[in-house]
Amino acid sequence: MNKILSWTSVILWLLLIFYFSHQPATESKRFSTEVTKSVVETAQIVAPEKEIDVGDLHHIVRKNAHFFLYFVLGVLVLNALRFSWRAGKGLLIGGAFLFCIFYALSDEFHQVFVPGRGAQLSDVFIDSAGAGVGIVLYVVTGIVKTKYSR
């Protein structure tokens, strides 16, 4: 059951990433601008004396979205591999990381065919960093959980 649920989670997350990547540039920009406006409005509630420009923050929000999506993907893939692949920890970690990198590469290639979008190698690096951090956090959490559950 854990194996099916974990791989279903991976597939659903891959579809979510594909959905975001398949949006034409105008739709993608409109959506990320709305998210950025929400972030600015929330920040202004917390720190009303700060003046924050949506345009300045927009690029950061977009790149953080890449990082977050692949952070979660790294966690989900490592978890799924853990339930279905009997290999050493190094192979599991490396397999999860390579899976995420290949998906990031394919995702950027896919965007070449979406109106107004294009492939950016820098996004693959951001995606890979997000996946790597997610995988490391998953491993560290497992070590801490094992250490303190005794």
C-alpha atoms as a PDB file:
ATOM      1  CA  MET A   1       0.000   0.000   0.000  1.00  0.00           C
ATOM      2  CA  ASN A   2       2.807   2.444   0.881  1.00  0.00           C
ATOM      3  CA  LYS A   3       4.441   1.703  -2.465  1.00  0.00           C
ATOM      4  CA  ILE A   4       1.293   2.497  -4.454  1.00  0.00           C
ATOM      5  CA  LEU A   5       0.496   5.617  -2.446  1.00  0.00           C
ATOM      6  CA  SER A   6       4.048   6.933  -2.664  1.00  0.00           C
ATOM      7  CA  TRP A   7       4.298   6.473  -6.443  1.00  0.00           C
ATOM      8  CA  THR A   8       0.824   7.943  -6.916  1.00  0.00           C
ATOM      9  CA  SER A   9       2.044  11.022  -5.042  1.00  0.00           C
ATOM     10  CA  VAL A  10       5.081  11.243  -7.329  1.00  0.00           C
ATOM     11  CA  ILE A  11       2.945  10.958 -10.471  1.00  0.00           C
ATOM     12  CA  LEU A  12       0.474  13.581  -9.264  1.00  0.00           C
ATOM     13  CA  TRP A  13       3.330  15.957  -8.412  1.00  0.00           C
ATOM     14  CA  LEU A  14       4.940  15.384 -11.824  1.00  0.00           C
ATOM     15  CA  LEU A  15       1.597  16.226 -13.428  1.00  0.00           C
ATOM     16  CA  LEU A  16       1.363  19.417 -11.376  1.00  0.00           C
ATOM     17  CA  ILE A  17       4.831  20.483 -12.538  1.00  0.00           C
ATOM     18  CA  PHE A  18       3.868  19.624 -16.130  1.00  0.00           C
ATOM     19  CA  TYR A  19       0.663  21.672 -15.780  1.00  0.00           C
ATOM     20  CA  PHE A  20       2.580  24.751 -14.621  1.00  0.00           C
ATOM     21  CA  SER A  21       5.178  24.296 -17.375  1.00  0.00           C
ATOM     22  CA  HIS A  22       2.528  23.870 -20.041  1.00  0.00           C
ATOM     23  CA  GLN A  23       0.969  27.278 -19.373  1.00  0.00           C
ATOM     24  CA  PRO A  24       1.745  29.806 -22.103  1.00  0.00           C
ATOM     25  CA  ALA A  25       3.997  32.653 -20.966  1.00  0.00           C
ATOM     26  CA  THR A  26       1.104  35.113 -20.602  1.00  0.00           C
ATOM     27  CA  GLU A  27      -0.851  32.786 -18.285  1.00  0.00           C
ATOM     28  CA  SER A  28       2.238  31.818 -16.315  1.00  0.00           C
ATOM     29  CA  LYS A  29       3.210  35.455 -15.800  1.00  0.00           C
ATOM     30  CA  ARG A  30      -0.335  36.409 -14.789  1.00  0.00           C
ATOM     31  CA  PHE A  31      -0.482  33.583 -12.226  1.00  0.00           C
ATOM     32  CA  SER A  32       2.954  34.304 -10.755  1.00  0.00           C
ATOM     33  CA  THR A  33       2.161  38.033 -10.615  1.00  0.00           C
ATOM     34  CA  GLU A  34      -0.970  37.269  -8.577  1.00  0.00           C
ATOM     35  CA  VAL A  35       1.076  35.091  -6.216  1.00  0.00           C
ATOM     36  CA  THR A  36       3.644  37.875  -5.916  1.00  0.00           C
ATOM     37  CA  LYS A  37       0.914  40.421  -5.121  1.00  0.00           C
ATOM     38  CA  SER A  38      -0.362  38.121  -2.364  1.00  0.00           C
ATOM     39  CA  VAL A  39       3.147  37.824  -0.941  1.00  0.00           C
ATOM     40  CA  VAL A  40       3.555  41.620  -1.005  1.00  0.00           C
ATOM     41  CA  GLU A  41       0.161  42.167   0.661  1.00  0.00           C
ATOM     42  CA  THR A  42       1.050  39.685   3.400  1.00  0.00           C
ATOM     43  CA  ALA A  43       4.484  41.236   3.887  1.00  0.00           C
ATOM     44  CA  GLN A  44       2.936  44.688   4.190  1.00  0.00           C
ATOM     45  CA  ILE A  45       0.632  43.434   6.952  1.00  0.00           C
ATOM     46  CA  VAL A  46       3.644  42.099   8.854  1.00  0.00           C
ATOM     47  CA  ALA A  47       5.897  45.103   8.122  1.00  0.00           C
ATOM     48  CA  PRO A  48       3.700  48.043   7.063  1.00  0.00           C
ATOM     49  CA  GLU A  49       6.593  50.507   7.106  1.00  0.00           C
ATOM     50  CA  LYS A  50       8.391  48.633   4.289  1.00  0.00           C
ATOM     51  CA  GLU A  51       7.651  49.557   0.703  1.00  0.00           C
ATOM     52  CA  ILE A  52       7.831  46.452  -1.496  1.00  0.00           C
ATOM     53  CA  ASP A  53       7.568  46.571  -5.270  1.00  0.00           C
ATOM     54  CA  VAL A  54       5.774  43.679  -6.999  1.00  0.00           C
ATOM     55  CA  GLY A  55       8.107  43.930  -9.985  1.00  0.00           C
ATOM     56  CA  ASP A  56      11.213  43.564  -7.835  1.00  0.00           C
ATOM     57  CA  LEU A  57       9.848  40.512  -6.072  1.00  0.00           C
ATOM     58  CA  HIS A  58       8.287  38.783  -9.098  1.00  0.00           C
ATOM     59  CA  HIS A  59      11.493  37.148 -10.352  1.00  0.00           C
ATOM     60  CA  ILE A  60      12.330  35.865  -6.859  1.00  0.00           C
ATOM     61  CA  VAL A  61       8.861  34.346  -6.442  1.00  0.00           C
ATOM     62  CA  ARG A  62       9.123  32.567  -9.808  1.00  0.00           C
ATOM     63  CA  LYS A  63      12.527  31.072  -9.024  1.00  0.00           C
ATOM     64  CA  ASN A  64      11.426  30.059  -5.528  1.00  0.00           C
ATOM     65  CA  ALA A  65       8.472  28.262  -7.102  1.00  0.00           C
ATOM     66  CA  HIS A  66      10.949  26.177  -9.123  1.00  0.00           C
ATOM     67  CA  PHE A  67      12.936  25.406  -5.987  1.00  0.00           C
ATOM     68  CA  PHE A  68       9.841  24.477  -3.947  1.00  0.00           C
ATOM     69  CA  LEU A  69       8.267  22.257  -6.627  1.00  0.00           C
ATOM     70  CA  TYR A  70      11.451  20.236  -6.994  1.00  0.00           C
ATOM     71  CA  PHE A  71      12.120  20.230  -3.233  1.00  0.00           C
ATOM     72  CA  VAL A  72       8.828  18.371  -2.816  1.00  0.00           C
ATOM     73  CA  LEU A  73       9.576  16.166  -5.836  1.00  0.00           C
ATOM     74  CA  GLY A  74      12.913  15.126  -4.324  1.00  0.00           C
ATOM     75  CA  VAL A  75      11.208  14.119  -1.072  1.00  0.00           C
ATOM     76  CA  LEU A  76       8.422  12.235  -2.868  1.00  0.00           C
ATOM     77  CA  VAL A  77      10.761  10.373  -5.228  1.00  0.00           C
ATOM     78  CA  LEU A  78      13.164   9.308  -2.477  1.00  0.00           C
ATOM     79  CA  ASN A  79      10.225   8.140  -0.378  1.00  0.00           C
ATOM     80  CA  ALA A  80       8.790   6.141  -3.295  1.00  0.00           C
ATOM     81  CA  LEU A  81      12.148   4.560  -4.088  1.00  0.00           C
ATOM     82  CA  ARG A  82      12.609   3.638  -0.438  1.00  0.00           C
ATOM     83  CA  PHE A  83       9.378   1.599  -0.561  1.00  0.00           C
ATOM     84  CA  SER A  84      10.038  -0.068  -3.903  1.00  0.00           C
ATOM     85  CA  TRP A  85      13.758  -0.381  -4.593  1.00  0.00           C
ATOM     86  CA  ARG A  86      15.931  -2.616  -2.443  1.00  0.00           C
ATOM     87  CA  ALA A  87      19.266  -0.889  -2.772  1.00  0.00           C
ATOM     88  CA  GLY A  88      21.804   0.815  -0.564  1.00  0.00           C
ATOM     89  CA  LYS A  89      21.133   4.302   0.757  1.00  0.00           C
ATOM     90  CA  GLY A  90      23.613   5.822  -1.668  1.00  0.00           C
ATOM     91  CA  LEU A  91      21.855   4.299  -4.671  1.00  0.00           C
ATOM     92  CA  LEU A  92      18.461   5.406  -3.389  1.00  0.00           C
ATOM     93  CA  ILE A  93      19.663   8.963  -2.843  1.00  0.00           C
ATOM     94  CA  GLY A  94      21.535   9.095  -6.151  1.00  0.00           C
ATOM     95  CA  GLY A  95      18.614   7.526  -8.011  1.00  0.00           C
ATOM     96  CA  ALA A  96      16.162  10.040  -6.576  1.00  0.00           C
ATOM     97  CA  PHE A  97      18.461  12.955  -7.396  1.00  0.00           C
ATOM     98  CA  LEU A  98      19.101  11.761 -10.967  1.00  0.00           C
ATOM     99  CA  PHE A  99      15.373  11.201 -11.499  1.00  0.00           C
ATOM    100  CA  CYS A 100      14.705  14.812 -10.469  1.00  0.00           C
ATOM    101  CA  ILE A 101      17.485  16.184 -12.666  1.00  0.00           C
ATOM    102  CA  PHE A 102      16.235  14.262 -15.706  1.00  0.00           C
ATOM    103  CA  TYR A 103      12.687  15.454 -15.080  1.00  0.00           C
ATOM    104  CA  ALA A 104      13.926  19.046 -14.747  1.00  0.00           C
ATOM    105  CA  LEU A 105      15.780  18.691 -18.061  1.00  0.00           C
ATOM    106  CA  SER A 106      12.733  17.194 -19.772  1.00  0.00           C
ATOM    107  CA  ASP A 107      10.541  19.904 -18.263  1.00  0.00           C
ATOM    108  CA  GLU A 108      12.734  22.657 -19.697  1.00  0.00           C
ATOM    109  CA  PHE A 109      12.775  20.885 -23.089  1.00  0.00           C
ATOM    110  CA  HIS A 110       8.972  20.676 -22.932  1.00  0.00           C
ATOM    111  CA  GLN A 111       8.785  24.451 -22.425  1.00  0.00           C
ATOM    112  CA  VAL A 112      10.467  25.018 -25.793  1.00  0.00           C
ATOM    113  CA  PHE A 113       7.165  23.960 -27.372  1.00  0.00           C
ATOM    114  CA  VAL A 114       4.957  26.166 -25.170  1.00  0.00           C
ATOM    115  CA  PRO A 115       4.031  29.602 -26.603  1.00  0.00           C
ATOM    116  CA  GLY A 116       6.256  32.335 -25.203  1.00  0.00           C
ATOM    117  CA  ARG A 117       8.271  29.952 -23.045  1.00  0.00           C
ATOM    118  CA  GLY A 118      11.766  28.607 -23.484  1.00  0.00           C
ATOM    119  CA  ALA A 119      14.343  26.365 -21.887  1.00  0.00           C
ATOM    120  CA  GLN A 120      16.668  27.861 -19.298  1.00  0.00           C
ATOM    121  CA  LEU A 121      19.599  25.909 -17.943  1.00  0.00           C
ATOM    122  CA  SER A 122      19.555  28.115 -14.843  1.00  0.00           C
ATOM    123  CA  ASP A 123      16.094  26.736 -14.026  1.00  0.00           C
ATOM    124  CA  VAL A 124      17.466  23.191 -14.187  1.00  0.00           C
ATOM    125  CA  PHE A 125      20.106  24.214 -11.624  1.00  0.00           C
ATOM    126  CA  ILE A 126      17.461  25.772  -9.368  1.00  0.00           C
ATOM    127  CA  ASP A 127      15.241  22.692  -9.752  1.00  0.00           C
ATOM    128  CA  SER A 128      18.172  20.390  -8.986  1.00  0.00           C
ATOM    129  CA  ALA A 129      19.118  22.439  -5.936  1.00  0.00           C
ATOM    130  CA  GLY A 130      15.546  22.217  -4.655  1.00  0.00           C
ATOM    131  CA  ALA A 131      15.471  18.452  -5.183  1.00  0.00           C
ATOM    132  CA  GLY A 132      18.867  18.072  -3.525  1.00  0.00           C
ATOM    133  CA  VAL A 133      17.835  20.057  -0.458  1.00  0.00           C
ATOM    134  CA  GLY A 134      14.588  18.074  -0.223  1.00  0.00           C
ATOM    135  CA  ILE A 135      16.459  14.779  -0.436  1.00  0.00           C
ATOM    136  CA  VAL A 136      19.039  15.839   2.158  1.00  0.00           C
ATOM    137  CA  LEU A 137      16.317  17.023   4.519  1.00  0.00           C
ATOM    138  CA  TYR A 138      14.483  13.712   4.068  1.00  0.00           C
ATOM    139  CA  VAL A 139      17.658  11.763   4.898  1.00  0.00           C
ATOM    140  CA  VAL A 140      18.543  13.943   7.898  1.00  0.00           C
ATOM    141  CA  THR A 141      14.991  13.700   9.226  1.00  0.00           C
ATOM    142  CA  GLY A 142      15.207   9.909   8.939  1.00  0.00           C
ATOM    143  CA  ILE A 143      18.518   9.835  10.823  1.00  0.00           C
ATOM    144  CA  VAL A 144      17.183  12.077  13.593  1.00  0.00           C
ATOM    145  CA  LYS A 145      13.961  10.071  13.819  1.00  0.00           C
ATOM    146  CA  THR A 146      15.914   6.805  14.105  1.00  0.00           C
ATOM    147  CA  LYS A 147      18.314   8.233  16.681  1.00  0.00           C
ATOM    148  CA  TYR A 148      15.615   9.590  18.983  1.00  0.00           C
ATOM    149  CA  SER A 149      13.095   6.748  18.631  1.00  0.00           C
ATOM    150  CA  ARG A 150      15.300   4.302  20.531  1.00  0.00           C
END
